[in-house]
Structure formats: structure tokens, C-alpha cells
Amino acid sequence: MKRLFWMQHPIILMVLFLTCNGRQIPGNINQDKNCINLEPGQKGFIQLAKKDEPGEPLVIHGKVIDRKANQPVRDASLFLYQTDSSGIYNASGGPDDQARIRGTVHTNESGCFRIKTILPGDYPGQKNSRHLHYVINAKGFKEIKSILFFKGFTTPNITGQGPFSILDIKKEKNGAWIGSIDINMEQADSATR
């Protein structure tokens, strides 16, 4: 009997280990893959630039996170705008936030978003660090207005342009640039204390 217990004990431990890990790991894997694998029609996905828009394809994915609770922020609104590949926001000369390439996406239940667009161009005749503007709002959180620059496409003049992030993007075999970013939001009540 004693021998039978010791022979079964490692098997019981292995079953418990696989059962526990089987419940935890796939959840984490699915959450991470959830962001990068979002597709058209799914909440959190936006095709910012039309498929036939000239320029190098760019994919940005990530999460919006409650900094204090370290939890995803569901249904956060991300308003995004950028220049086209020639560095023009709006051919008619309207305000930058009325750019031709713009849109709004809401994060999914895991706080995920995925943006398909093109790499923004430098302003005509200037080297000004290619960038994408974003404004994030979520109920109970402070609004974020910021600029997302791209590592390898920055110049020294980005300092003093307000709050910004620099995203490390890599070129994939298919020619598309890809990068990932998590954006932390502050709770509105913590900002007033």
C-alpha cells in the first residue's frame, strides 16, 4: 500500500500541476495574443489608414491599463490622427485633429487595441520625427493627450513637445512595421487628492 501511494504521488502532483497551469497559462497567452490578433470587426481593432493608402504598413497593438490597480481598462476611447506618407494631415488645410487619416477605437474587455495604419511621413521639407497623435478617455480616468514617436525616426527636436512616448518598432518579413505599447491611465479621483 505504501509503495502504491509513492508511485501514484508523482502522478497526482503532475496532474495537479498541469491542471492548474492549464487554467492559468492559456488565459495569459490568450490575453497577450488577444491584442496582436485582433481582426476587423472585433472590438479594439481599427484600420486607421485605408488599405490602398500609399506608405509603409504599420501595426501598433497594446493595452490600456489602470496604473493604480494594474488592471485593463475596458472600453477606453482612443482617438488617433496622423499625417499621410507625404507628411500632410489635411490637404484642405484644416486643423490637424481633423486629419484625413484619423479614427476612434474602443478597447476590448482585456483593455486591448490594435491599430493598422501607415508609418506617418515627415512634414514637407522638414525632418520632424514621424509621429501619431492620440487622445484617450475612459470613465473614471484622467484624459491622456499625447504623441507617439517611433524609434529610428526621431530627431532631437522632440523634446519640449509635451508628453510623448517613443515606440520601438521592428520591420517584419512582410515589410510591415510592428510595435507594442501599454498605456497607463490615472484614476480621476487619485489626480484630485
N, C-alpha and C. Protein backbone atom coordinates (compact mmCIF):
# COMPACT_ATOMS: atom_id res chain seq x y z
N MET A 1 0.82 -1.19 0.00
CA MET A 1 0.00 0.00 0.00
C MET A 1 0.86 1.25 0.00
N LYS A 2 1.90 1.24 0.88
CA LYS A 2 2.78 2.37 0.97
C LYS A 2 3.49 2.60 -0.37
N ARG A 3 3.93 1.52 -0.99
CA ARG A 3 4.61 1.61 -2.28
C ARG A 3 3.67 2.15 -3.35
N LEU A 4 2.44 1.74 -3.35
CA LEU A 4 1.45 2.21 -4.32
C LEU A 4 1.23 3.72 -4.18
N PHE A 5 1.17 4.23 -2.93
CA PHE A 5 1.00 5.65 -2.70
C PHE A 5 2.16 6.45 -3.31
N TRP A 6 3.39 6.03 -3.07
CA TRP A 6 4.57 6.75 -3.59
C TRP A 6 4.64 6.68 -5.10
N MET A 7 4.15 5.62 -5.68
CA MET A 7 4.14 5.52 -7.14
C MET A 7 3.08 6.46 -7.72
N GLN A 8 1.95 6.59 -7.03
CA GLN A 8 0.87 7.45 -7.53
C GLN A 8 1.10 8.91 -7.20
N HIS A 9 1.81 9.19 -6.12
CA HIS A 9 2.02 10.56 -5.66
C HIS A 9 2.61 11.46 -6.76
N PRO A 10 3.69 11.04 -7.44
CA PRO A 10 4.20 11.90 -8.51
C PRO A 10 3.17 12.11 -9.63
N ILE A 11 2.38 11.12 -9.89
CA ILE A 11 1.35 11.26 -10.93
C ILE A 11 0.30 12.27 -10.49
N ILE A 12 -0.12 12.21 -9.22
CA ILE A 12 -1.10 13.16 -8.69
C ILE A 12 -0.55 14.58 -8.77
N LEU A 13 0.71 14.75 -8.35
CA LEU A 13 1.33 16.07 -8.43
C LEU A 13 1.39 16.58 -9.87
N MET A 14 1.73 15.70 -10.78
CA MET A 14 1.81 16.10 -12.19
C MET A 14 0.43 16.51 -12.71
N VAL A 15 -0.61 15.76 -12.37
CA VAL A 15 -1.97 16.09 -12.80
C VAL A 15 -2.39 17.44 -12.22
N LEU A 16 -2.11 17.67 -10.93
CA LEU A 16 -2.45 18.95 -10.31
C LEU A 16 -1.68 20.09 -10.98
N PHE A 17 -0.42 19.89 -11.24
CA PHE A 17 0.41 20.92 -11.88
C PHE A 17 -0.15 21.27 -13.25
N LEU A 18 -0.40 20.26 -14.06
CA LEU A 18 -0.92 20.51 -15.40
C LEU A 18 -2.31 21.14 -15.37
N THR A 19 -3.14 20.73 -14.42
CA THR A 19 -4.48 21.28 -14.31
C THR A 19 -4.42 22.75 -13.94
N CYS A 20 -3.63 23.08 -12.92
CA CYS A 20 -3.52 24.48 -12.50
C CYS A 20 -2.91 25.33 -13.60
N ASN A 21 -1.81 24.86 -14.16
CA ASN A 21 -1.17 25.63 -15.21
C ASN A 21 -2.03 25.71 -16.46
N GLY A 22 -2.74 24.66 -16.73
CA GLY A 22 -3.62 24.67 -17.90
C GLY A 22 -4.70 25.74 -17.79
N ARG A 23 -5.10 26.07 -16.57
CA ARG A 23 -6.11 27.11 -16.37
C ARG A 23 -5.50 28.50 -16.38
N GLN A 24 -4.27 28.63 -15.92
CA GLN A 24 -3.66 29.95 -15.80
C GLN A 24 -2.94 30.36 -17.08
N ILE A 25 -2.09 29.54 -17.60
CA ILE A 25 -1.27 29.93 -18.74
C ILE A 25 -2.09 30.28 -19.97
N PRO A 26 -3.02 29.42 -20.40
CA PRO A 26 -3.76 29.81 -21.59
C PRO A 26 -4.48 31.15 -21.44
N GLY A 27 -4.95 31.48 -20.24
CA GLY A 27 -5.59 32.78 -20.05
C GLY A 27 -4.63 33.91 -20.34
N ASN A 28 -3.41 33.81 -19.82
CA ASN A 28 -2.40 34.84 -20.06
C ASN A 28 -2.00 34.87 -21.52
N ILE A 29 -1.81 33.70 -22.11
CA ILE A 29 -1.44 33.65 -23.52
C ILE A 29 -2.55 34.27 -24.35
N ASN A 30 -3.80 33.92 -24.07
CA ASN A 30 -4.91 34.48 -24.84
C ASN A 30 -5.00 35.98 -24.68
N GLN A 31 -4.74 36.49 -23.47
CA GLN A 31 -4.80 37.94 -23.28
C GLN A 31 -3.73 38.64 -24.11
N ASP A 32 -2.49 38.10 -24.11
CA ASP A 32 -1.42 38.71 -24.89
C ASP A 32 -1.71 38.59 -26.38
N LYS A 33 -2.12 37.40 -26.81
CA LYS A 33 -2.43 37.19 -28.22
C LYS A 33 -3.69 37.96 -28.62
N ASN A 34 -4.57 38.20 -27.64
CA ASN A 34 -5.80 38.92 -27.90
C ASN A 34 -5.50 40.27 -28.54
N CYS A 35 -4.47 40.95 -28.07
CA CYS A 35 -4.14 42.28 -28.58
C CYS A 35 -3.58 42.20 -29.99
N ILE A 36 -2.59 41.36 -30.21
CA ILE A 36 -1.92 41.32 -31.51
C ILE A 36 -2.79 40.66 -32.58
N ASN A 37 -3.72 39.81 -32.17
CA ASN A 37 -4.53 39.07 -33.14
C ASN A 37 -5.90 39.67 -33.40
N LEU A 38 -6.19 40.86 -32.87
CA LEU A 38 -7.49 41.47 -33.14
C LEU A 38 -7.64 41.68 -34.65
N GLU A 39 -8.81 41.41 -35.15
CA GLU A 39 -9.10 41.49 -36.59
C GLU A 39 -10.26 42.45 -36.85
N PRO A 40 -10.44 42.85 -38.11
CA PRO A 40 -11.57 43.72 -38.45
C PRO A 40 -12.89 43.13 -37.95
N GLY A 41 -13.71 44.00 -37.38
CA GLY A 41 -14.99 43.57 -36.85
C GLY A 41 -14.94 43.25 -35.36
N GLN A 42 -13.75 43.08 -34.80
CA GLN A 42 -13.63 42.80 -33.38
C GLN A 42 -13.40 44.12 -32.64
N LYS A 43 -13.98 44.20 -31.43
CA LYS A 43 -13.79 45.38 -30.60
C LYS A 43 -12.30 45.52 -30.28
N GLY A 44 -11.78 46.73 -30.42
CA GLY A 44 -10.37 47.00 -30.16
C GLY A 44 -9.55 47.15 -31.43
N PHE A 45 -10.10 46.76 -32.58
CA PHE A 45 -9.37 46.86 -33.85
C PHE A 45 -9.81 48.09 -34.63
N ILE A 46 -8.83 48.77 -35.25
CA ILE A 46 -9.15 49.87 -36.16
C ILE A 46 -8.20 49.84 -37.35
N GLN A 47 -8.75 50.00 -38.53
CA GLN A 47 -7.98 50.19 -39.76
C GLN A 47 -7.97 51.70 -39.97
N LEU A 48 -6.92 52.37 -39.46
CA LEU A 48 -6.85 53.82 -39.47
C LEU A 48 -6.65 54.36 -40.89
N ALA A 49 -5.67 53.83 -41.59
CA ALA A 49 -5.43 54.23 -42.98
C ALA A 49 -6.08 53.19 -43.88
N LYS A 50 -6.66 53.65 -44.96
CA LYS A 50 -7.29 52.72 -45.90
C LYS A 50 -6.24 51.76 -46.44
N LYS A 51 -6.70 50.58 -46.85
CA LYS A 51 -5.78 49.54 -47.33
C LYS A 51 -4.96 49.98 -48.53
N ASP A 52 -5.51 50.89 -49.35
CA ASP A 52 -4.79 51.34 -50.54
C ASP A 52 -4.01 52.64 -50.30
N GLU A 53 -3.91 53.08 -49.05
CA GLU A 53 -3.17 54.30 -48.72
C GLU A 53 -1.68 54.08 -48.99
N PRO A 54 -1.04 54.98 -49.76
CA PRO A 54 0.40 54.84 -50.00
C PRO A 54 1.19 54.96 -48.70
N GLY A 55 2.24 54.19 -48.59
CA GLY A 55 3.10 54.25 -47.41
C GLY A 55 3.45 52.87 -46.89
N GLU A 56 4.35 52.84 -45.93
CA GLU A 56 4.76 51.58 -45.33
C GLU A 56 3.76 51.16 -44.26
N PRO A 57 3.28 49.92 -44.32
CA PRO A 57 2.30 49.46 -43.32
C PRO A 57 2.88 49.51 -41.90
N LEU A 58 2.02 49.87 -40.95
CA LEU A 58 2.40 49.97 -39.55
C LEU A 58 1.28 49.35 -38.71
N VAL A 59 1.66 48.50 -37.77
CA VAL A 59 0.71 47.88 -36.85
C VAL A 59 1.18 48.18 -35.42
N ILE A 60 0.27 48.75 -34.64
CA ILE A 60 0.55 49.03 -33.23
C ILE A 60 -0.50 48.29 -32.41
N HIS A 61 -0.05 47.54 -31.43
CA HIS A 61 -1.00 46.85 -30.55
C HIS A 61 -0.57 47.05 -29.12
N GLY A 62 -1.53 46.91 -28.22
CA GLY A 62 -1.21 47.06 -26.81
C GLY A 62 -2.44 47.08 -25.94
N LYS A 63 -2.22 47.55 -24.70
CA LYS A 63 -3.30 47.60 -23.72
C LYS A 63 -3.33 48.96 -23.05
N VAL A 64 -4.53 49.33 -22.61
CA VAL A 64 -4.70 50.47 -21.74
C VAL A 64 -4.91 49.89 -20.35
N ILE A 65 -4.10 50.37 -19.40
CA ILE A 65 -4.06 49.78 -18.06
C ILE A 65 -4.30 50.83 -16.99
N ASP A 66 -5.07 50.47 -15.98
CA ASP A 66 -5.26 51.29 -14.80
C ASP A 66 -3.96 51.20 -14.00
N ARG A 67 -3.23 52.33 -13.92
CA ARG A 67 -1.92 52.32 -13.26
C ARG A 67 -2.01 51.86 -11.81
N LYS A 68 -3.01 52.32 -11.08
CA LYS A 68 -3.12 52.02 -9.65
C LYS A 68 -3.50 50.56 -9.41
N ALA A 69 -4.51 50.07 -10.11
CA ALA A 69 -5.00 48.71 -9.90
C ALA A 69 -4.25 47.67 -10.74
N ASN A 70 -3.45 48.13 -11.70
CA ASN A 70 -2.73 47.26 -12.63
C ASN A 70 -3.69 46.28 -13.31
N GLN A 71 -4.83 46.81 -13.74
CA GLN A 71 -5.87 46.03 -14.43
C GLN A 71 -6.18 46.69 -15.78
N PRO A 72 -6.66 45.92 -16.74
CA PRO A 72 -7.01 46.51 -18.03
C PRO A 72 -8.17 47.50 -17.90
N VAL A 73 -8.14 48.52 -18.74
CA VAL A 73 -9.24 49.49 -18.80
C VAL A 73 -10.09 49.12 -20.00
N ARG A 74 -11.29 48.64 -19.73
CA ARG A 74 -12.22 48.23 -20.78
C ARG A 74 -12.92 49.46 -21.34
N ASP A 75 -13.20 49.43 -22.63
CA ASP A 75 -13.99 50.45 -23.31
C ASP A 75 -13.36 51.85 -23.25
N ALA A 76 -12.03 51.91 -23.13
CA ALA A 76 -11.34 53.21 -23.23
C ALA A 76 -11.41 53.66 -24.68
N SER A 77 -11.65 54.93 -24.89
CA SER A 77 -11.75 55.50 -26.23
C SER A 77 -10.40 56.08 -26.64
N LEU A 78 -9.85 55.61 -27.77
CA LEU A 78 -8.61 56.13 -28.31
C LEU A 78 -8.92 56.87 -29.61
N PHE A 79 -8.75 58.20 -29.61
CA PHE A 79 -8.88 59.00 -30.82
C PHE A 79 -7.47 59.20 -31.36
N LEU A 80 -7.27 58.82 -32.63
CA LEU A 80 -5.94 58.83 -33.23
C LEU A 80 -5.97 59.67 -34.50
N TYR A 81 -4.87 60.40 -34.75
CA TYR A 81 -4.74 61.09 -36.03
C TYR A 81 -3.27 61.24 -36.39
N GLN A 82 -3.01 61.32 -37.69
CA GLN A 82 -1.63 61.33 -38.17
C GLN A 82 -1.56 61.94 -39.56
N THR A 83 -0.32 62.18 -40.02
CA THR A 83 -0.12 62.62 -41.39
C THR A 83 -0.15 61.42 -42.32
N ASP A 84 -0.27 61.70 -43.61
CA ASP A 84 -0.11 60.64 -44.60
C ASP A 84 1.38 60.43 -44.84
N SER A 85 1.76 59.61 -45.79
CA SER A 85 3.18 59.31 -46.01
C SER A 85 3.95 60.51 -46.53
N SER A 86 3.26 61.52 -47.07
CA SER A 86 3.94 62.73 -47.55
C SER A 86 3.97 63.82 -46.48
N GLY A 87 3.48 63.55 -45.27
CA GLY A 87 3.57 64.49 -44.17
C GLY A 87 2.42 65.48 -44.07
N ILE A 88 1.33 65.21 -44.77
CA ILE A 88 0.18 66.12 -44.80
C ILE A 88 -0.94 65.56 -43.91
N TYR A 89 -1.46 66.40 -43.01
CA TYR A 89 -2.61 66.00 -42.21
C TYR A 89 -3.89 66.08 -43.02
N ASN A 90 -4.08 67.23 -43.65
CA ASN A 90 -5.33 67.50 -44.33
C ASN A 90 -5.03 68.40 -45.53
N ALA A 91 -5.28 67.90 -46.73
CA ALA A 91 -4.96 68.66 -47.94
C ALA A 91 -5.70 69.99 -48.00
N SER A 92 -6.85 70.09 -47.36
CA SER A 92 -7.62 71.34 -47.39
C SER A 92 -7.11 72.35 -46.37
N GLY A 93 -6.09 71.96 -45.58
CA GLY A 93 -5.50 72.89 -44.62
C GLY A 93 -6.28 73.03 -43.34
N GLY A 94 -7.19 72.12 -43.04
CA GLY A 94 -7.97 72.17 -41.81
C GLY A 94 -7.11 71.88 -40.59
N PRO A 95 -7.72 71.89 -39.40
CA PRO A 95 -6.97 71.60 -38.18
C PRO A 95 -6.36 70.20 -38.21
N ASP A 96 -5.21 70.07 -37.55
CA ASP A 96 -4.52 68.78 -37.54
C ASP A 96 -5.40 67.65 -37.02
N ASP A 97 -6.22 67.93 -35.97
CA ASP A 97 -7.05 66.86 -35.42
C ASP A 97 -8.21 66.47 -36.33
N GLN A 98 -8.35 67.18 -37.44
CA GLN A 98 -9.31 66.80 -38.48
C GLN A 98 -8.58 66.17 -39.67
N ALA A 99 -7.46 65.54 -39.37
CA ALA A 99 -6.62 64.90 -40.39
C ALA A 99 -7.42 63.91 -41.22
N ARG A 100 -6.97 63.73 -42.43
CA ARG A 100 -7.62 62.76 -43.32
C ARG A 100 -7.49 61.34 -42.75
N ILE A 101 -6.35 61.04 -42.12
CA ILE A 101 -6.16 59.73 -41.50
C ILE A 101 -6.40 59.90 -40.00
N ARG A 102 -7.60 59.52 -39.59
CA ARG A 102 -7.97 59.64 -38.19
C ARG A 102 -9.08 58.63 -37.89
N GLY A 103 -9.29 58.38 -36.61
CA GLY A 103 -10.36 57.48 -36.21
C GLY A 103 -10.35 57.25 -34.72
N THR A 104 -11.40 56.58 -34.26
CA THR A 104 -11.56 56.27 -32.84
C THR A 104 -11.80 54.78 -32.69
N VAL A 105 -11.16 54.20 -31.70
CA VAL A 105 -11.34 52.78 -31.38
C VAL A 105 -11.53 52.67 -29.87
N HIS A 106 -12.29 51.67 -29.45
CA HIS A 106 -12.50 51.40 -28.02
C HIS A 106 -11.83 50.08 -27.66
N THR A 107 -11.17 50.06 -26.50
CA THR A 107 -10.50 48.85 -26.07
C THR A 107 -11.52 47.75 -25.78
N ASN A 108 -11.08 46.51 -25.93
CA ASN A 108 -11.98 45.38 -25.67
C ASN A 108 -11.98 45.03 -24.18
N GLU A 109 -12.57 43.90 -23.83
CA GLU A 109 -12.71 43.51 -22.42
C GLU A 109 -11.36 43.27 -21.74
N SER A 110 -10.31 43.04 -22.51
CA SER A 110 -8.96 42.85 -21.95
C SER A 110 -8.14 44.13 -22.00
N GLY A 111 -8.78 45.25 -22.37
CA GLY A 111 -8.06 46.52 -22.47
C GLY A 111 -7.22 46.64 -23.73
N CYS A 112 -7.40 45.70 -24.66
CA CYS A 112 -6.57 45.62 -25.87
C CYS A 112 -7.04 46.53 -26.99
N PHE A 113 -6.07 46.95 -27.79
CA PHE A 113 -6.34 47.64 -29.05
C PHE A 113 -5.32 47.19 -30.08
N ARG A 114 -5.68 47.31 -31.35
CA ARG A 114 -4.77 47.03 -32.46
C ARG A 114 -5.08 48.02 -33.56
N ILE A 115 -4.05 48.74 -34.00
CA ILE A 115 -4.18 49.79 -35.00
C ILE A 115 -3.41 49.38 -36.25
N LYS A 116 -4.10 49.33 -37.38
CA LYS A 116 -3.43 49.12 -38.67
C LYS A 116 -3.46 50.45 -39.40
N THR A 117 -2.29 50.92 -39.81
CA THR A 117 -2.19 52.21 -40.48
C THR A 117 -0.94 52.19 -41.35
N ILE A 118 -0.40 53.37 -41.63
CA ILE A 118 0.87 53.50 -42.33
C ILE A 118 1.81 54.31 -41.45
N LEU A 119 3.10 54.18 -41.71
CA LEU A 119 4.08 54.99 -41.00
C LEU A 119 3.89 56.44 -41.43
N PRO A 120 3.59 57.35 -40.49
CA PRO A 120 3.38 58.75 -40.86
C PRO A 120 4.64 59.34 -41.50
N GLY A 121 4.44 60.31 -42.39
CA GLY A 121 5.57 60.96 -43.04
C GLY A 121 6.02 62.20 -42.29
N ASP A 122 7.26 62.63 -42.58
CA ASP A 122 7.75 63.91 -42.07
C ASP A 122 6.98 65.04 -42.74
N TYR A 123 6.83 66.16 -42.03
CA TYR A 123 6.20 67.33 -42.65
C TYR A 123 6.99 67.70 -43.89
N PRO A 124 6.34 68.19 -44.94
CA PRO A 124 7.04 68.52 -46.19
C PRO A 124 8.23 69.46 -45.95
N GLY A 125 9.39 69.05 -46.48
CA GLY A 125 10.59 69.86 -46.38
C GLY A 125 11.23 69.90 -45.02
N GLN A 126 10.76 69.07 -44.09
CA GLN A 126 11.30 69.08 -42.73
C GLN A 126 11.62 67.67 -42.26
N LYS A 127 12.53 67.58 -41.34
CA LYS A 127 12.76 66.34 -40.61
C LYS A 127 12.23 66.62 -39.22
N ASN A 128 11.08 66.07 -38.88
CA ASN A 128 10.43 66.45 -37.63
C ASN A 128 10.03 65.30 -36.74
N SER A 129 10.56 64.14 -36.97
CA SER A 129 10.21 62.96 -36.18
C SER A 129 8.78 62.52 -36.47
N ARG A 130 8.66 61.48 -37.21
CA ARG A 130 7.34 60.93 -37.57
C ARG A 130 6.59 60.55 -36.31
N HIS A 131 5.28 60.78 -36.30
CA HIS A 131 4.53 60.56 -35.06
C HIS A 131 3.05 60.36 -35.33
N LEU A 132 2.37 59.88 -34.30
CA LEU A 132 0.93 59.66 -34.31
C LEU A 132 0.38 60.31 -33.03
N HIS A 133 -0.66 61.12 -33.18
CA HIS A 133 -1.28 61.77 -32.02
C HIS A 133 -2.38 60.86 -31.47
N TYR A 134 -2.56 60.88 -30.14
CA TYR A 134 -3.67 60.13 -29.56
C TYR A 134 -4.23 60.85 -28.34
N VAL A 135 -5.54 60.66 -28.17
CA VAL A 135 -6.27 61.18 -27.02
C VAL A 135 -7.05 59.99 -26.47
N ILE A 136 -6.86 59.69 -25.18
CA ILE A 136 -7.54 58.54 -24.57
C ILE A 136 -8.45 59.02 -23.45
N ASN A 137 -9.69 58.54 -23.48
CA ASN A 137 -10.67 58.84 -22.44
C ASN A 137 -11.31 57.55 -21.97
N ALA A 138 -11.54 57.49 -20.67
CA ALA A 138 -12.26 56.36 -20.08
C ALA A 138 -12.95 56.86 -18.83
N LYS A 139 -14.14 56.35 -18.58
CA LYS A 139 -14.92 56.76 -17.41
C LYS A 139 -14.13 56.50 -16.13
N GLY A 140 -13.99 57.55 -15.30
CA GLY A 140 -13.29 57.42 -14.04
C GLY A 140 -11.79 57.66 -14.12
N PHE A 141 -11.28 58.05 -15.31
CA PHE A 141 -9.85 58.26 -15.50
C PHE A 141 -9.56 59.63 -16.08
N LYS A 142 -8.35 60.12 -15.81
CA LYS A 142 -7.90 61.38 -16.39
C LYS A 142 -7.64 61.19 -17.89
N GLU A 143 -8.03 62.18 -18.68
CA GLU A 143 -7.78 62.14 -20.12
C GLU A 143 -6.27 62.18 -20.38
N ILE A 144 -5.84 61.46 -21.41
CA ILE A 144 -4.45 61.49 -21.85
C ILE A 144 -4.42 62.07 -23.25
N LYS A 145 -3.61 63.12 -23.45
CA LYS A 145 -3.33 63.66 -24.78
C LYS A 145 -1.83 63.53 -24.97
N SER A 146 -1.42 62.80 -25.99
CA SER A 146 0.00 62.54 -26.15
C SER A 146 0.36 62.31 -27.61
N ILE A 147 1.65 62.13 -27.82
CA ILE A 147 2.20 61.87 -29.15
C ILE A 147 3.03 60.60 -29.06
N LEU A 148 2.90 59.74 -30.06
CA LEU A 148 3.66 58.51 -30.12
C LEU A 148 4.68 58.66 -31.25
N PHE A 149 5.96 58.73 -30.88
CA PHE A 149 7.05 58.78 -31.84
C PHE A 149 7.55 57.36 -32.07
N PHE A 150 8.37 57.19 -33.11
CA PHE A 150 8.85 55.87 -33.48
C PHE A 150 10.38 55.84 -33.46
N LYS A 151 10.93 54.93 -32.65
CA LYS A 151 12.38 54.80 -32.54
C LYS A 151 12.97 54.56 -33.92
N GLY A 152 14.04 55.28 -34.21
CA GLY A 152 14.66 55.18 -35.53
C GLY A 152 14.16 56.26 -36.47
N PHE A 153 13.08 56.93 -36.09
CA PHE A 153 12.50 58.01 -36.90
C PHE A 153 12.36 59.28 -36.08
N THR A 154 13.22 59.43 -35.07
CA THR A 154 13.14 60.61 -34.22
C THR A 154 14.32 61.54 -34.49
N THR A 155 14.10 62.81 -34.19
CA THR A 155 15.15 63.82 -34.28
C THR A 155 15.24 64.50 -32.92
N PRO A 156 16.31 65.26 -32.67
CA PRO A 156 16.47 65.90 -31.36
C PRO A 156 15.36 66.89 -31.01
N ASN A 157 14.59 67.36 -31.98
CA ASN A 157 13.58 68.39 -31.70
C ASN A 157 12.32 67.86 -31.03
N ILE A 158 12.28 66.60 -30.63
CA ILE A 158 11.05 66.11 -30.00
C ILE A 158 10.92 66.58 -28.55
N THR A 159 12.01 66.99 -27.91
CA THR A 159 11.90 67.48 -26.54
C THR A 159 11.10 68.77 -26.52
N GLY A 160 10.33 68.96 -25.50
CA GLY A 160 9.53 70.17 -25.37
C GLY A 160 8.22 70.12 -26.13
N GLN A 161 7.87 68.97 -26.70
CA GLN A 161 6.61 68.85 -27.43
C GLN A 161 5.51 68.26 -26.55
N GLY A 162 5.63 68.41 -25.26
CA GLY A 162 4.60 67.89 -24.37
C GLY A 162 4.83 66.43 -24.06
N PRO A 163 3.84 65.79 -23.42
CA PRO A 163 4.02 64.38 -23.07
C PRO A 163 4.08 63.53 -24.34
N PHE A 164 5.01 62.60 -24.35
CA PHE A 164 5.12 61.73 -25.52
C PHE A 164 5.74 60.40 -25.12
N SER A 165 5.64 59.43 -26.02
CA SER A 165 6.27 58.13 -25.87
C SER A 165 7.05 57.84 -27.15
N ILE A 166 8.08 57.03 -27.01
CA ILE A 166 8.83 56.58 -28.19
C ILE A 166 8.67 55.08 -28.27
N LEU A 167 8.06 54.62 -29.35
CA LEU A 167 7.76 53.21 -29.55
C LEU A 167 8.85 52.56 -30.40
N ASP A 168 9.38 51.46 -29.91
CA ASP A 168 10.36 50.69 -30.67
C ASP A 168 9.60 49.83 -31.67
N ILE A 169 9.77 50.12 -32.95
CA ILE A 169 9.09 49.33 -33.99
C ILE A 169 10.13 48.53 -34.76
N LYS A 170 9.73 47.36 -35.20
CA LYS A 170 10.59 46.47 -35.97
C LYS A 170 9.93 46.16 -37.30
N LYS A 171 10.74 46.01 -38.34
CA LYS A 171 10.20 45.67 -39.65
C LYS A 171 10.11 44.16 -39.78
N GLU A 172 8.91 43.69 -40.10
CA GLU A 172 8.66 42.26 -40.27
C GLU A 172 9.08 41.81 -41.67
N LYS A 173 9.12 40.50 -41.88
CA LYS A 173 9.48 39.94 -43.19
C LYS A 173 8.53 40.41 -44.30
N ASN A 174 7.26 40.65 -43.93
CA ASN A 174 6.27 41.08 -44.92
C ASN A 174 6.36 42.57 -45.26
N GLY A 175 7.33 43.27 -44.63
CA GLY A 175 7.53 44.69 -44.92
C GLY A 175 6.79 45.64 -44.01
N ALA A 176 5.95 45.11 -43.12
CA ALA A 176 5.18 45.96 -42.20
C ALA A 176 6.00 46.25 -40.95
N TRP A 177 5.87 47.46 -40.45
CA TRP A 177 6.46 47.83 -39.16
C TRP A 177 5.48 47.41 -38.08
N ILE A 178 6.01 46.92 -36.95
CA ILE A 178 5.13 46.49 -35.85
C ILE A 178 5.75 46.89 -34.51
N GLY A 179 4.87 47.31 -33.59
CA GLY A 179 5.31 47.68 -32.26
C GLY A 179 4.20 47.49 -31.25
N SER A 180 4.58 47.39 -29.99
CA SER A 180 3.62 47.16 -28.92
C SER A 180 3.84 48.17 -27.80
N ILE A 181 2.74 48.66 -27.24
CA ILE A 181 2.82 49.63 -26.14
C ILE A 181 1.67 49.42 -25.17
N ASP A 182 1.97 49.51 -23.90
CA ASP A 182 0.94 49.55 -22.86
C ASP A 182 0.87 50.99 -22.37
N ILE A 183 -0.34 51.50 -22.25
CA ILE A 183 -0.55 52.89 -21.83
C ILE A 183 -1.25 52.88 -20.49
N ASN A 184 -0.63 53.53 -19.51
CA ASN A 184 -1.18 53.59 -18.15
C ASN A 184 -2.04 54.83 -17.98
N MET A 185 -3.22 54.64 -17.39
CA MET A 185 -4.11 55.75 -17.09
C MET A 185 -4.19 55.94 -15.58
N GLU A 186 -4.33 57.19 -15.18
CA GLU A 186 -4.51 57.54 -13.77
C GLU A 186 -5.99 57.67 -13.47
N GLN A 187 -6.42 57.14 -12.34
CA GLN A 187 -7.81 57.30 -11.92
C GLN A 187 -8.08 58.78 -11.65
N ALA A 188 -9.26 59.24 -12.00
CA ALA A 188 -9.60 60.64 -11.85
C ALA A 188 -9.57 61.07 -10.39
N ASP A 189 -10.05 60.22 -9.49
CA ASP A 189 -10.08 60.61 -8.08
C ASP A 189 -8.67 60.70 -7.49
N SER A 190 -7.71 59.92 -7.98
CA SER A 190 -6.35 59.99 -7.46
C SER A 190 -5.65 61.27 -7.92
N ALA A 191 -6.12 61.86 -9.01
CA ALA A 191 -5.49 63.08 -9.52
C ALA A 191 -5.91 64.30 -8.70
N THR A 192 -7.04 64.20 -8.01
CA THR A 192 -7.54 65.37 -7.26
C THR A 192 -7.11 65.36 -5.80
N ARG A 193 -6.46 64.30 -5.35
CA ARG A 193 -6.05 64.21 -3.94
C ARG A 193 -4.83 65.04 -3.67
